[in-house]
């Protein structure tokens, strides 16, 4: 049978063992949480990169659309000028045909 000192020593040893086991469990949880943080950071970085790429693509598309709109306006202006010139020539021809020759 153990003496009082023996029981006290055994109690301290059990408490120390329980505390060590608790620390080991906490260490495992901490490592797991650190791994989760690393995964979340990687996901966040991938999301940021995807968002940056999407913004660049949208900006490029917007710029391309603006250029195409300008090109279309130039073409329309050219066609409008050509139609105006043709109309003017037709009007002059009709006007000349209506005037008596002198």
C-alpha atoms as a PDB file:
ATOM      1  CA  UNK A   1       0.000   0.000   0.000  1.00  0.00           C
ATOM      2  CA  UNK A   2       1.144   3.520  -0.839  1.00  0.00           C
ATOM      3  CA  UNK A   3       1.895   6.106   1.762  1.00  0.00           C
ATOM      4  CA  UNK A   4       0.395   9.550   1.722  1.00  0.00           C
ATOM      5  CA  UNK A   5       3.503  10.909   0.021  1.00  0.00           C
ATOM      6  CA  UNK A   6       3.205   8.165  -2.572  1.00  0.00           C
ATOM      7  CA  UNK A   7      -0.413   9.015  -3.288  1.00  0.00           C
ATOM      8  CA  UNK A   8       0.467  12.692  -3.542  1.00  0.00           C
ATOM      9  CA  UNK A   9       3.329  11.883  -5.930  1.00  0.00           C
ATOM     10  CA  UNK A  10       1.041   9.612  -7.954  1.00  0.00           C
ATOM     11  CA  UNK A  11      -1.596  12.386  -8.065  1.00  0.00           C
ATOM     12  CA  UNK A  12       0.997  14.899  -9.294  1.00  0.00           C
ATOM     13  CA  UNK A  13       2.221  12.421 -11.895  1.00  0.00           C
ATOM     14  CA  UNK A  14      -1.347  11.770 -13.079  1.00  0.00           C
ATOM     15  CA  UNK A  15      -2.043  15.505 -13.252  1.00  0.00           C
ATOM     16  CA  UNK A  16       1.193  16.068 -15.171  1.00  0.00           C
ATOM     17  CA  UNK A  17       0.333  13.210 -17.532  1.00  0.00           C
ATOM     18  CA  UNK A  18      -3.181  14.605 -18.079  1.00  0.00           C
ATOM     19  CA  UNK A  19      -1.781  18.077 -18.692  1.00  0.00           C
ATOM     20  CA  UNK A  20       0.767  16.685 -21.171  1.00  0.00           C
ATOM     21  CA  UNK A  21      -1.953  14.758 -22.983  1.00  0.00           C
ATOM     22  CA  UNK A  22      -4.078  17.908 -23.109  1.00  0.00           C
ATOM     23  CA  UNK A  23      -1.168  19.866 -24.545  1.00  0.00           C
ATOM     24  CA  UNK A  24      -0.621  17.175 -27.172  1.00  0.00           C
ATOM     25  CA  UNK A  25      -4.287  17.378 -28.185  1.00  0.00           C
ATOM     26  CA  UNK A  26      -4.100  21.169 -28.332  1.00  0.00           C
ATOM     27  CA  UNK A  27      -0.932  20.900 -30.436  1.00  0.00           C
ATOM     28  CA  UNK A  28      -2.727  18.642 -32.927  1.00  0.00           C
ATOM     29  CA  UNK A  29      -5.661  21.043 -33.076  1.00  0.00           C
ATOM     30  CA  UNK A  30      -3.299  23.966 -33.587  1.00  0.00           C
ATOM     31  CA  UNK A  31      -1.521  22.184 -36.454  1.00  0.00           C
ATOM     32  CA  UNK A  32      -4.883  21.371 -38.002  1.00  0.00           C
ATOM     33  CA  UNK A  33      -5.997  25.010 -37.674  1.00  0.00           C
ATOM     34  CA  UNK A  34      -2.729  26.242 -39.191  1.00  0.00           C
ATOM     35  CA  UNK A  35      -3.228  23.903 -42.150  1.00  0.00           C
ATOM     36  CA  UNK A  36      -6.776  25.204 -42.541  1.00  0.00           C
ATOM     37  CA  UNK A  37      -5.494  28.803 -42.471  1.00  0.00           C
ATOM     38  CA  UNK A  38      -2.957  27.937 -45.188  1.00  0.00           C
ATOM     39  CA  UNK A  39      -5.724  26.405 -47.316  1.00  0.00           C
ATOM     40  CA  UNK A  40      -7.934  29.456 -46.813  1.00  0.00           C
ATOM     41  CA  UNK A  41      -5.059  31.794 -47.691  1.00  0.00           C
ATOM     42  CA  UNK A  42      -4.436  29.810 -50.893  1.00  0.00           C
ATOM     43  CA  UNK A  43      -8.160  29.974 -51.747  1.00  0.00           C
ATOM     44  CA  UNK A  44      -8.174  33.711 -51.084  1.00  0.00           C
ATOM     45  CA  UNK A  45      -5.137  34.221 -53.305  1.00  0.00           C
ATOM     46  CA  UNK A  46      -6.750  32.179 -56.089  1.00  0.00           C
ATOM     47  CA  UNK A  47      -9.967  34.209 -55.737  1.00  0.00           C
ATOM     48  CA  UNK A  48      -8.014  37.474 -55.883  1.00  0.00           C
ATOM     49  CA  UNK A  49      -6.180  36.309 -58.996  1.00  0.00           C
ATOM     50  CA  UNK A  50      -9.442  35.246 -60.637  1.00  0.00           C
ATOM     51  CA  UNK A  51     -11.030  38.600 -59.791  1.00  0.00           C
ATOM     52  CA  UNK A  52      -8.014  40.497 -61.139  1.00  0.00           C
ATOM     53  CA  UNK A  53      -8.139  38.468 -64.360  1.00  0.00           C
ATOM     54  CA  UNK A  54     -11.872  39.086 -64.692  1.00  0.00           C
ATOM     55  CA  UNK A  55     -11.397  42.829 -64.181  1.00  0.00           C
ATOM     56  CA  UNK A  56      -8.627  42.911 -66.782  1.00  0.00           C
ATOM     57  CA  UNK A  57     -10.789  40.969 -69.236  1.00  0.00           C
ATOM     58  CA  UNK A  58     -13.707  43.323 -68.639  1.00  0.00           C
ATOM     59  CA  UNK A  59     -11.478  46.375 -69.134  1.00  0.00           C
ATOM     60  CA  UNK A  60     -10.091  44.895 -72.362  1.00  0.00           C
ATOM     61  CA  UNK A  61     -13.596  44.095 -73.596  1.00  0.00           C
ATOM     62  CA  UNK A  62     -14.737  47.612 -72.734  1.00  0.00           C
ATOM     63  CA  UNK A  63     -11.783  49.136 -74.571  1.00  0.00           C
ATOM     64  CA  UNK A  64     -12.332  46.853 -77.573  1.00  0.00           C
ATOM     65  CA  UNK A  65     -16.015  47.795 -77.616  1.00  0.00           C
ATOM     66  CA  UNK A  66     -15.137  51.494 -77.532  1.00  0.00           C
ATOM     67  CA  UNK A  67     -12.711  51.066 -80.421  1.00  0.00           C
ATOM     68  CA  UNK A  68     -15.296  49.117 -82.420  1.00  0.00           C
ATOM     69  CA  UNK A  69     -17.901  51.801 -81.733  1.00  0.00           C
ATOM     70  CA  UNK A  70     -15.492  54.487 -82.937  1.00  0.00           C
ATOM     71  CA  UNK A  71     -14.687  52.475 -86.054  1.00  0.00           C
ATOM     72  CA  UNK A  72     -18.405  52.004 -86.756  1.00  0.00           C
ATOM     73  CA  UNK A  73     -19.002  55.744 -86.316  1.00  0.00           C
ATOM     74  CA  UNK A  74     -16.205  56.538 -88.759  1.00  0.00           C
ATOM     75  CA  UNK A  75     -17.621  54.088 -91.290  1.00  0.00           C
ATOM     76  CA  UNK A  76     -21.106  55.564 -90.869  1.00  0.00           C
ATOM     77  CA  UNK A  77     -19.762  59.085 -91.273  1.00  0.00           C
ATOM     78  CA  UNK A  78     -17.999  58.016 -94.454  1.00  0.00           C
ATOM     79  CA  UNK A  79     -21.129  56.369 -95.805  1.00  0.00           C
ATOM     80  CA  UNK A  80     -23.195  59.394 -94.849  1.00  0.00           C
ATOM     81  CA  UNK A  81     -20.782  61.725 -96.627  1.00  0.00           C
ATOM     82  CA  UNK A  82     -20.860  59.486 -99.696  1.00  0.00           C
ATOM     83  CA  UNK A  83     -24.690  59.472 -99.707  1.00  0.00           C
ATOM     84  CA  UNK A  84     -24.737  63.239 -99.265  1.00  0.00           C
ATOM     85  CA  UNK A  85     -22.379  63.671-102.218  1.00  0.00           C
ATOM     86  CA  UNK A  86     -24.467  61.355-104.395  1.00  0.00           C
ATOM     87  CA  UNK A  87     -27.665  63.140-103.399  1.00  0.00           C
ATOM     88  CA  UNK A  88     -26.085  66.481-104.161  1.00  0.00           C
ATOM     89  CA  UNK A  89     -24.989  65.282-107.578  1.00  0.00           C
ATOM     90  CA  UNK A  90     -28.451  63.909-108.319  1.00  0.00           C
ATOM     91  CA  UNK A  91     -30.023  67.157-107.171  1.00  0.00           C
ATOM     92  CA  UNK A  92     -27.677  69.178-109.375  1.00  0.00           C
ATOM     93  CA  UNK A  93     -28.432  66.897-112.348  1.00  0.00           C
ATOM     94  CA  UNK A  94     -32.186  67.265-111.798  1.00  0.00           C
ATOM     95  CA  UNK A  95     -31.810  70.983-111.403  1.00  0.00           C
ATOM     96  CA  UNK A  96     -29.843  71.274-114.642  1.00  0.00           C
ATOM     97  CA  UNK A  97     -32.375  69.181-116.484  1.00  0.00           C
ATOM     98  CA  UNK A  98     -35.157  71.493-115.356  1.00  0.00           C
ATOM     99  CA  UNK A  99     -33.392  74.680-116.457  1.00  0.00           C
ATOM    100  CA  UNK A 100     -33.883  75.799-120.051  1.00  0.00           C
ATOM    101  CA  UNK A 101     -30.732  75.725-122.063  1.00  0.00           C
ATOM    102  CA  UNK A 102     -29.555  79.154-122.981  1.00  0.00           C
END
